PDB file of N, CA and C in Angstrom:
ATOM      1  N   MET A   1     -10.575  13.852  -5.001  1.00  0.00           N
ATOM      2  CA  MET A   1     -10.021  13.067  -3.899  1.00  0.00           C
ATOM      3  C   MET A   1     -10.964  11.892  -3.609  1.00  0.00           C
ATOM      4  N   ASN A   2     -10.389  10.760  -3.296  1.00  0.00           N
ATOM      5  CA  ASN A   2     -11.152   9.562  -2.967  1.00  0.00           C
ATOM      6  C   ASN A   2     -12.031   9.820  -1.751  1.00  0.00           C
ATOM      7  N   SER A   3     -13.267   9.363  -1.802  1.00  0.00           N
ATOM      8  CA  SER A   3     -14.208   9.601  -0.700  1.00  0.00           C
ATOM      9  C   SER A   3     -13.774   8.924   0.600  1.00  0.00           C
ATOM     10  N   ASN A   4     -12.889   7.941   0.530  1.00  0.00           N
ATOM     11  CA  ASN A   4     -12.384   7.258   1.729  1.00  0.00           C
ATOM     12  C   ASN A   4     -11.083   7.860   2.246  1.00  0.00           C
ATOM     13  N   TYR A   5     -10.590   8.910   1.580  1.00  0.00           N
ATOM     14  CA  TYR A   5      -9.287   9.463   1.926  1.00  0.00           C
ATOM     15  C   TYR A   5      -9.174   9.827   3.404  1.00  0.00           C
ATOM     16  N   LEU A   6     -10.106  10.576   3.942  1.00  0.00           N
ATOM     17  CA  LEU A   6      -9.974  11.038   5.335  1.00  0.00           C
ATOM     18  C   LEU A   6      -9.889   9.872   6.314  1.00  0.00           C
ATOM     19  N   PHE A   7     -10.721   8.853   6.123  1.00  0.00           N
ATOM     20  CA  PHE A   7     -10.676   7.684   7.007  1.00  0.00           C
ATOM     21  C   PHE A   7      -9.350   6.933   6.866  1.00  0.00           C
ATOM     22  N   VAL A   8      -8.972   6.641   5.619  1.00  0.00           N
ATOM     23  CA  VAL A   8      -7.772   5.848   5.360  1.00  0.00           C
ATOM     24  C   VAL A   8      -6.520   6.605   5.819  1.00  0.00           C
ATOM     25  N   ALA A   9      -6.452   7.904   5.531  1.00  0.00           N
ATOM     26  CA  ALA A   9      -5.289   8.703   5.916  1.00  0.00           C
ATOM     27  C   ALA A   9      -5.163   8.805   7.434  1.00  0.00           C
ATOM     28  N   ALA A  10      -6.277   9.007   8.124  1.00  0.00           N
ATOM     29  CA  ALA A  10      -6.239   9.096   9.591  1.00  0.00           C
ATOM     30  C   ALA A  10      -5.818   7.759  10.192  1.00  0.00           C
ATOM     31  N   ARG A  11      -6.343   6.665   9.667  1.00  0.00           N
ATOM     32  CA  ARG A  11      -5.976   5.331  10.176  1.00  0.00           C
ATOM     33  C   ARG A  11      -4.484   5.089   9.992  1.00  0.00           C
ATOM     34  N   ALA A  12      -3.928   5.554   8.862  1.00  0.00           N
ATOM     35  CA  ALA A  12      -2.504   5.368   8.561  1.00  0.00           C
ATOM     36  C   ALA A  12      -1.630   6.445   9.197  1.00  0.00           C
ATOM     37  N   GLU A  13      -2.269   7.361   9.916  1.00  0.00           N
ATOM     38  CA  GLU A  13      -1.567   8.488  10.545  1.00  0.00           C
ATOM     39  C   GLU A  13      -0.801   9.304   9.507  1.00  0.00           C
ATOM     40  N   TYR A  14      -1.385   9.416   8.302  1.00  0.00           N
ATOM     41  CA  TYR A  14      -0.839  10.232   7.213  1.00  0.00           C
ATOM     42  C   TYR A  14       0.582   9.802   6.830  1.00  0.00           C
ATOM     43  N   ILE A  15       0.793   8.480   6.873  1.00  0.00           N
ATOM     44  CA  ILE A  15       2.076   7.872   6.506  1.00  0.00           C
ATOM     45  C   ILE A  15       1.795   6.801   5.455  1.00  0.00           C
ATOM     46  N   CYS A  16       2.624   6.738   4.413  1.00  0.00           N
ATOM     47  CA  CYS A  16       2.460   5.687   3.409  1.00  0.00           C
ATOM     48  C   CYS A  16       2.537   4.334   4.118  1.00  0.00           C
ATOM     49  N   GLU A  17       1.558   3.498   3.871  1.00  0.00           N
ATOM     50  CA  GLU A  17       1.516   2.201   4.545  1.00  0.00           C
ATOM     51  C   GLU A  17       2.503   1.199   3.952  1.00  0.00           C
ATOM     52  N   TYR A  18       3.168   1.563   2.875  1.00  0.00           N
ATOM     53  CA  TYR A  18       4.143   0.666   2.246  1.00  0.00           C
ATOM     54  C   TYR A  18       5.580   1.043   2.589  1.00  0.00           C
ATOM     55  N   CYS A  19       5.946   2.307   2.413  1.00  0.00           N
ATOM     56  CA  CYS A  19       7.339   2.702   2.665  1.00  0.00           C
ATOM     57  C   CYS A  19       7.493   3.527   3.941  1.00  0.00           C
ATOM     58  N   ARG A  20       6.377   3.894   4.557  1.00  0.00           N
ATOM     59  CA  ARG A  20       6.334   4.644   5.816  1.00  0.00           C
ATOM     60  C   ARG A  20       6.851   6.082   5.713  1.00  0.00           C
ATOM     61  N   THR A  21       6.793   6.657   4.547  1.00  0.00           N
ATOM     62  CA  THR A  21       7.148   8.061   4.379  1.00  0.00           C
ATOM     63  C   THR A  21       5.962   8.924   4.803  1.00  0.00           C
ATOM     64  N   PRO A  22       6.185   9.937   5.629  1.00  0.00           N
ATOM     65  CA  PRO A  22       5.095  10.831   6.022  1.00  0.00           C
ATOM     66  C   PRO A  22       4.591  11.664   4.834  1.00  0.00           C
ATOM     67  N   GLU A  23       3.300  11.804   4.748  1.00  0.00           N
ATOM     68  CA  GLU A  23       2.678  12.565   3.664  1.00  0.00           C
ATOM     69  C   GLU A  23       3.147  14.018   3.653  1.00  0.00           C
ATOM     70  N   ARG A  24       3.451  14.577   4.808  1.00  0.00           N
ATOM     71  CA  ARG A  24       3.845  15.988   4.892  1.00  0.00           C
ATOM     72  C   ARG A  24       5.150  16.271   4.141  1.00  0.00           C
ATOM     73  N   PHE A  25       5.919  15.229   3.785  1.00  0.00           N
ATOM     74  CA  PHE A  25       7.154  15.421   3.034  1.00  0.00           C
ATOM     75  C   PHE A  25       6.901  15.657   1.544  1.00  0.00           C
ATOM     76  N   TYR A  26       5.665  15.454   1.109  1.00  0.00           N
ATOM     77  CA  TYR A  26       5.301  15.617  -0.294  1.00  0.00           C
ATOM     78  C   TYR A  26       4.501  16.903  -0.483  1.00  0.00           C
ATOM     79  N   ASN A  27       4.393  17.359  -1.706  1.00  0.00           N
ATOM     80  CA  ASN A  27       3.614  18.562  -2.008  1.00  0.00           C
ATOM     81  C   ASN A  27       2.182  18.239  -2.395  1.00  0.00           C
ATOM     82  N   PHE A  28       1.783  16.981  -2.236  1.00  0.00           N
ATOM     83  CA  PHE A  28       0.432  16.572  -2.609  1.00  0.00           C
ATOM     84  C   PHE A  28      -0.016  15.436  -1.698  1.00  0.00           C
ATOM     85  N   SER A  29      -1.312  15.212  -1.663  1.00  0.00           N
ATOM     86  CA  SER A  29      -1.874  14.149  -0.824  1.00  0.00           C
ATOM     87  C   SER A  29      -1.521  12.779  -1.382  1.00  0.00           C
ATOM     88  N   PHE A  30      -1.402  11.816  -0.490  1.00  0.00           N
ATOM     89  CA  PHE A  30      -1.176  10.435  -0.899  1.00  0.00           C
ATOM     90  C   PHE A  30      -2.458   9.867  -1.511  1.00  0.00           C
ATOM     91  N   GLU A  31      -2.338   8.704  -2.094  1.00  0.00           N
ATOM     92  CA  GLU A  31      -3.444   8.062  -2.785  1.00  0.00           C
ATOM     93  C   GLU A  31      -4.035   6.936  -1.946  1.00  0.00           C
ATOM     94  N   VAL A  32      -5.320   6.727  -2.118  1.00  0.00           N
ATOM     95  CA  VAL A  32      -5.992   5.584  -1.509  1.00  0.00           C
ATOM     96  C   VAL A  32      -5.996   4.498  -2.569  1.00  0.00           C
ATOM     97  N   LYS A  33      -5.392   3.367  -2.238  1.00  0.00           N
ATOM     98  CA  LYS A  33      -5.299   2.285  -3.224  1.00  0.00           C
ATOM     99  C   LYS A  33      -5.836   0.984  -2.642  1.00  0.00           C
ATOM    100  N   HIS A  34      -6.173   0.082  -3.516  1.00  0.00           N
ATOM    101  CA  HIS A  34      -6.622  -1.251  -3.103  1.00  0.00           C
ATOM    102  C   HIS A  34      -5.405  -2.103  -2.750  1.00  0.00           C
ATOM    103  N   ILE A  35      -5.463  -2.794  -1.629  1.00  0.00           N
ATOM    104  CA  ILE A  35      -4.400  -3.739  -1.265  1.00  0.00           C
ATOM    105  C   ILE A  35      -4.498  -4.945  -2.195  1.00  0.00           C
ATOM    106  N   ILE A  36      -5.682  -5.517  -2.264  1.00  0.00           N
ATOM    107  CA  ILE A  36      -5.964  -6.560  -3.251  1.00  0.00           C
ATOM    108  C   ILE A  36      -6.760  -5.870  -4.350  1.00  0.00           C
ATOM    109  N   PRO A  37      -6.200  -5.768  -5.546  1.00  0.00           N
ATOM    110  CA  PRO A  37      -6.865  -5.025  -6.609  1.00  0.00           C
ATOM    111  C   PRO A  37      -8.198  -5.655  -7.023  1.00  0.00           C
ATOM    112  N   PRO A  38      -9.125  -4.832  -7.486  1.00  0.00           N
ATOM    113  CA  PRO A  38     -10.409  -5.365  -7.947  1.00  0.00           C
ATOM    114  C   PRO A  38     -10.240  -6.462  -8.998  1.00  0.00           C
ATOM    115  N   LYS A  39      -9.217  -6.327  -9.831  1.00  0.00           N
ATOM    116  CA  LYS A  39      -8.929  -7.332 -10.870  1.00  0.00           C
ATOM    117  C   LYS A  39      -8.677  -8.713 -10.265  1.00  0.00           C
ATOM    118  N   ALA A  40      -8.181  -8.734  -9.013  1.00  0.00           N
ATOM    119  CA  ALA A  40      -7.893  -9.997  -8.327  1.00  0.00           C
ATOM    120  C   ALA A  40      -8.983 -10.336  -7.307  1.00  0.00           C
ATOM    121  N   GLY A  41     -10.115  -9.659  -7.390  1.00  0.00           N
ATOM    122  CA  GLY A  41     -11.235  -9.955  -6.495  1.00  0.00           C
ATOM    123  C   GLY A  41     -11.327  -9.064  -5.277  1.00  0.00           C
ATOM    124  N   GLY A  42     -10.454  -8.061  -5.161  1.00  0.00           N
ATOM    125  CA  GLY A  42     -10.494  -7.148  -4.028  1.00  0.00           C
ATOM    126  C   GLY A  42     -11.674  -6.197  -4.115  1.00  0.00           C
ATOM    127  N   ARG A  43     -12.206  -5.836  -2.981  1.00  0.00           N
ATOM    128  CA  ARG A  43     -13.366  -4.948  -2.925  1.00  0.00           C
ATOM    129  C   ARG A  43     -12.953  -3.551  -2.495  1.00  0.00           C
ATOM    130  N   SER A  44     -13.821  -2.612  -2.718  1.00  0.00           N
ATOM    131  CA  SER A  44     -13.571  -1.217  -2.326  1.00  0.00           C
ATOM    132  C   SER A  44     -14.070  -0.966  -0.903  1.00  0.00           C
ATOM    133  N   GLU A  45     -13.743  -1.879  -0.007  1.00  0.00           N
ATOM    134  CA  GLU A  45     -14.092  -1.741   1.404  1.00  0.00           C
ATOM    135  C   GLU A  45     -12.907  -1.148   2.141  1.00  0.00           C
ATOM    136  N   GLN A  46     -13.166  -0.459   3.248  1.00  0.00           N
ATOM    137  CA  GLN A  46     -12.111   0.243   3.970  1.00  0.00           C
ATOM    138  C   GLN A  46     -10.980  -0.681   4.413  1.00  0.00           C
ATOM    139  N   GLU A  47     -11.259  -1.925   4.725  1.00  0.00           N
ATOM    140  CA  GLU A  47     -10.208  -2.847   5.147  1.00  0.00           C
ATOM    141  C   GLU A  47      -9.301  -3.255   3.996  1.00  0.00           C
ATOM    142  N   ASN A  48      -9.723  -3.020   2.765  1.00  0.00           N
ATOM    143  CA  ASN A  48      -8.907  -3.361   1.603  1.00  0.00           C
ATOM    144  C   ASN A  48      -8.268  -2.114   0.980  1.00  0.00           C
ATOM    145  N   LEU A  49      -8.320  -1.006   1.691  1.00  0.00           N
ATOM    146  CA  LEU A  49      -7.744   0.234   1.188  1.00  0.00           C
ATOM    147  C   LEU A  49      -6.553   0.641   2.039  1.00  0.00           C
ATOM    148  N   ALA A  50      -5.543   1.189   1.385  1.00  0.00           N
ATOM    149  CA  ALA A  50      -4.330   1.627   2.077  1.00  0.00           C
ATOM    150  C   ALA A  50      -3.917   2.992   1.554  1.00  0.00           C
ATOM    151  N   LEU A  51      -3.249   3.753   2.412  1.00  0.00           N
ATOM    152  CA  LEU A  51      -2.691   5.035   2.007  1.00  0.00           C
ATOM    153  C   LEU A  51      -1.326   4.767   1.391  1.00  0.00           C
ATOM    154  N   SER A  52      -1.111   5.304   0.199  1.00  0.00           N
ATOM    155  CA  SER A  52       0.104   5.000  -0.542  1.00  0.00           C
ATOM    156  C   SER A  52       0.668   6.254  -1.183  1.00  0.00           C
ATOM    157  N   CYS A  53       1.983   6.428  -1.068  1.00  0.00           N
ATOM    158  CA  CYS A  53       2.626   7.515  -1.811  1.00  0.00           C
ATOM    159  C   CYS A  53       2.604   7.124  -3.286  1.00  0.00           C
ATOM    160  N   ARG A  54       2.824   8.093  -4.132  1.00  0.00           N
ATOM    161  CA  ARG A  54       2.763   7.852  -5.584  1.00  0.00           C
ATOM    162  C   ARG A  54       3.794   6.802  -6.015  1.00  0.00           C
ATOM    163  N   SER A  55       4.994   6.858  -5.457  1.00  0.00           N
ATOM    164  CA  SER A  55       6.036   5.900  -5.845  1.00  0.00           C
ATOM    165  C   SER A  55       5.627   4.471  -5.526  1.00  0.00           C
ATOM    166  N   CYS A  56       5.122   4.250  -4.321  1.00  0.00           N
ATOM    167  CA  CYS A  56       4.704   2.895  -3.939  1.00  0.00           C
ATOM    168  C   CYS A  56       3.503   2.439  -4.761  1.00  0.00           C
ATOM    169  N   ASN A  57       2.586   3.360  -5.033  1.00  0.00           N
ATOM    170  CA  ASN A  57       1.415   3.004  -5.821  1.00  0.00           C
ATOM    171  C   ASN A  57       1.816   2.585  -7.227  1.00  0.00           C
ATOM    172  N   ILE A  58       2.733   3.310  -7.842  1.00  0.00           N
ATOM    173  CA  ILE A  58       3.197   2.952  -9.186  1.00  0.00           C
ATOM    174  C   ILE A  58       3.939   1.617  -9.146  1.00  0.00           C
ATOM    175  N   PHE A  59       4.788   1.423  -8.141  1.00  0.00           N
ATOM    176  CA  PHE A  59       5.573   0.190  -8.043  1.00  0.00           C
ATOM    177  C   PHE A  59       4.672  -1.027  -7.842  1.00  0.00           C
ATOM    178  N   LYS A  60       3.726  -0.922  -6.901  1.00  0.00           N
ATOM    179  CA  LYS A  60       2.853  -2.053  -6.607  1.00  0.00           C
ATOM    180  C   LYS A  60       1.864  -2.295  -7.732  1.00  0.00           C
ATOM    181  N   SER A  61       1.319  -1.215  -8.285  1.00  0.00           N
ATOM    182  CA  SER A  61       0.332  -1.304  -9.358  1.00  0.00           C
ATOM    183  C   SER A  61      -0.789  -2.261  -8.946  1.00  0.00           C
ATOM    184  N   ASN A  62      -1.101  -3.228  -9.768  1.00  0.00           N
ATOM    185  CA  ASN A  62      -2.153  -4.190  -9.426  1.00  0.00           C
ATOM    186  C   ASN A  62      -1.571  -5.570  -9.123  1.00  0.00           C
ATOM    187  N   HIS A  63      -0.315  -5.592  -8.685  1.00  0.00           N
ATOM    188  CA  HIS A  63       0.376  -6.857  -8.411  1.00  0.00           C
ATOM    189  C   HIS A  63       0.163  -7.312  -6.961  1.00  0.00           C
ATOM    190  N   LEU A  64       0.188  -8.606  -6.763  1.00  0.00           N
ATOM    191  CA  LEU A  64       0.136  -9.203  -5.434  1.00  0.00           C
ATOM    192  C   LEU A  64       1.449  -9.883  -5.081  1.00  0.00           C
ATOM    193  N   THR A  65       2.256 -10.153  -6.098  1.00  0.00           N
ATOM    194  CA  THR A  65       3.546 -10.807  -5.898  1.00  0.00           C
ATOM    195  C   THR A  65       4.634 -10.045  -6.655  1.00  0.00           C
ATOM    196  N   GLY A  66       5.878 -10.329  -6.285  1.00  0.00           N
ATOM    197  CA  GLY A  66       7.021  -9.730  -6.949  1.00  0.00           C
ATOM    198  C   GLY A  66       8.175 -10.711  -6.927  1.00  0.00           C
ATOM    199  N   ILE A  67       9.252 -10.362  -7.612  1.00  0.00           N
ATOM    200  CA  ILE A  67      10.427 -11.238  -7.666  1.00  0.00           C
ATOM    201  C   ILE A  67      11.491 -10.688  -6.732  1.00  0.00           C
ATOM    202  N   ASP A  68      11.959 -11.523  -5.836  1.00  0.00           N
ATOM    203  CA  ASP A  68      13.034 -11.171  -4.914  1.00  0.00           C
ATOM    204  C   ASP A  68      14.331 -11.116  -5.718  1.00  0.00           C
ATOM    205  N   SER A  69      14.945  -9.944  -5.753  1.00  0.00           N
ATOM    206  CA  SER A  69      16.141  -9.771  -6.581  1.00  0.00           C
ATOM    207  C   SER A  69      17.339 -10.580  -6.080  1.00  0.00           C
ATOM    208  N   ARG A  70      17.377 -10.929  -4.789  1.00  0.00           N
ATOM    209  CA  ARG A  70      18.514 -11.700  -4.269  1.00  0.00           C
ATOM    210  C   ARG A  70      18.388 -13.180  -4.592  1.00  0.00           C
ATOM    211  N   GLY A  71      17.184 -13.715  -4.371  1.00  0.00           N
ATOM    212  CA  GLY A  71      17.004 -15.150  -4.581  1.00  0.00           C
ATOM    213  C   GLY A  71      16.296 -15.487  -5.871  1.00  0.00           C
ATOM    214  N   ASN A  72      15.876 -14.452  -6.609  1.00  0.00           N
ATOM    215  CA  ASN A  72      15.148 -14.638  -7.859  1.00  0.00           C
ATOM    216  C   ASN A  72      13.921 -15.525  -7.672  1.00  0.00           C
ATOM    217  N   GLU A  73      13.302 -15.402  -6.496  1.00  0.00           N
ATOM    218  CA  GLU A  73      12.106 -16.174  -6.189  1.00  0.00           C
ATOM    219  C   GLU A  73      10.902 -15.245  -6.138  1.00  0.00           C
ATOM    220  N   THR A  74       9.736 -15.783  -6.434  1.00  0.00           N
ATOM    221  CA  THR A  74       8.504 -15.016  -6.346  1.00  0.00           C
ATOM    222  C   THR A  74       8.045 -14.992  -4.893  1.00  0.00           C
ATOM    223  N   GLY A  75       7.632 -13.813  -4.438  1.00  0.00           N
ATOM    224  CA  GLY A  75       7.135 -13.673  -3.077  1.00  0.00           C
ATOM    225  C   GLY A  75       5.953 -12.725  -3.043  1.00  0.00           C
ATOM    226  N   GLU A  76       5.178 -12.816  -1.996  1.00  0.00           N
ATOM    227  CA  GLU A  76       4.024 -11.944  -1.844  1.00  0.00           C
ATOM    228  C   GLU A  76       4.478 -10.539  -1.478  1.00  0.00           C
ATOM    229  N   LEU A  77       3.806  -9.547  -2.050  1.00  0.00           N
ATOM    230  CA  LEU A  77       4.082  -8.161  -1.701  1.00  0.00           C
ATOM    231  C   LEU A  77       3.483  -7.855  -0.338  1.00  0.00           C
ATOM    232  N   PHE A  78       3.996  -6.835   0.309  1.00  0.00           N
ATOM    233  CA  PHE A  78       3.564  -6.436   1.637  1.00  0.00           C
ATOM    234  C   PHE A  78       2.078  -6.088   1.648  1.00  0.00           C
ATOM    235  N   ASP A  79       1.373  -6.620   2.630  1.00  0.00           N
ATOM    236  CA  ASP A  79      -0.048  -6.330   2.852  1.00  0.00           C
ATOM    237  C   ASP A  79      -0.153  -5.607   4.196  1.00  0.00           C
ATOM    238  N   PRO A  80      -0.434  -4.307   4.187  1.00  0.00           N
ATOM    239  CA  PRO A  80      -0.439  -3.552   5.442  1.00  0.00           C
ATOM    240  C   PRO A  80      -1.515  -3.974   6.445  1.00  0.00           C
ATOM    241  N   ARG A  81      -2.496  -4.735   6.041  1.00  0.00           N
ATOM    242  CA  ARG A  81      -3.516  -5.206   6.986  1.00  0.00           C
ATOM    243  C   ARG A  81      -3.137  -6.532   7.629  1.00  0.00           C
ATOM    244  N   ASN A  82      -2.287  -7.309   6.974  1.00  0.00           N
ATOM    245  CA  ASN A  82      -2.003  -8.657   7.475  1.00  0.00           C
ATOM    246  C   ASN A  82      -0.537  -8.940   7.786  1.00  0.00           C
ATOM    247  N   ASP A  83       0.382  -8.122   7.289  1.00  0.00           N
ATOM    248  CA  ASP A  83       1.803  -8.381   7.482  1.00  0.00           C
ATOM    249  C   ASP A  83       2.420  -7.405   8.488  1.00  0.00           C
ATOM    250  N   ASP A  84       3.379  -7.868   9.232  1.00  0.00           N
ATOM    251  CA  ASP A  84       4.165  -7.011  10.113  1.00  0.00           C
ATOM    252  C   ASP A  84       5.289  -6.410   9.268  1.00  0.00           C
ATOM    253  N   TRP A  85       5.402  -5.075   9.246  1.00  0.00           N
ATOM    254  CA  TRP A  85       6.348  -4.370   8.381  1.00  0.00           C
ATOM    255  C   TRP A  85       7.788  -4.843   8.632  1.00  0.00           C
ATOM    256  N   ASN A  86       8.212  -4.845   9.900  1.00  0.00           N
ATOM    257  CA  ASN A  86       9.591  -5.240  10.225  1.00  0.00           C
ATOM    258  C   ASN A  86       9.889  -6.681   9.828  1.00  0.00           C
ATOM    259  N   GLU A  87       8.960  -7.562  10.074  1.00  0.00           N
ATOM    260  CA  GLU A  87       9.172  -8.975   9.743  1.00  0.00           C
ATOM    261  C   GLU A  87       9.196  -9.180   8.232  1.00  0.00           C
ATOM    262  N   HIS A  88       8.284  -8.541   7.526  1.00  0.00           N
ATOM    263  CA  HIS A  88       8.197  -8.719   6.073  1.00  0.00           C
ATOM    264  C   HIS A  88       9.469  -8.236   5.373  1.00  0.00           C
ATOM    265  N   PHE A  89      10.014  -7.107   5.836  1.00  0.00           N
ATOM    266  CA  PHE A  89      11.166  -6.524   5.147  1.00  0.00           C
ATOM    267  C   PHE A  89      12.508  -6.928   5.771  1.00  0.00           C
ATOM    268  N   LEU A  90      12.494  -7.896   6.674  1.00  0.00           N
ATOM    269  CA  LEU A  90      13.719  -8.422   7.256  1.00  0.00           C
ATOM    270  C   LEU A  90      14.478  -9.115   6.184  1.00  0.00           C
TER     271      LEU A  90
END
């Protein structure tokens, strides 16, 4: 288990910071992942770590942007430290 798990999970209230699914719905602990991946200059500091379910972690991978399927435009992926969830997914 990641050494930052207890801090990150408590801060996130044991809810995936991307899809907001509660960890208790799964049979295993969520993952601590980098919001900005080290490959893109992100650090392993607590402010750059998020609690993520396996599905969201696989989907996000090490990406910072994605393609909007409706407008076929590139957009930034959700950042749980800087973006408002409701506004971002409106």
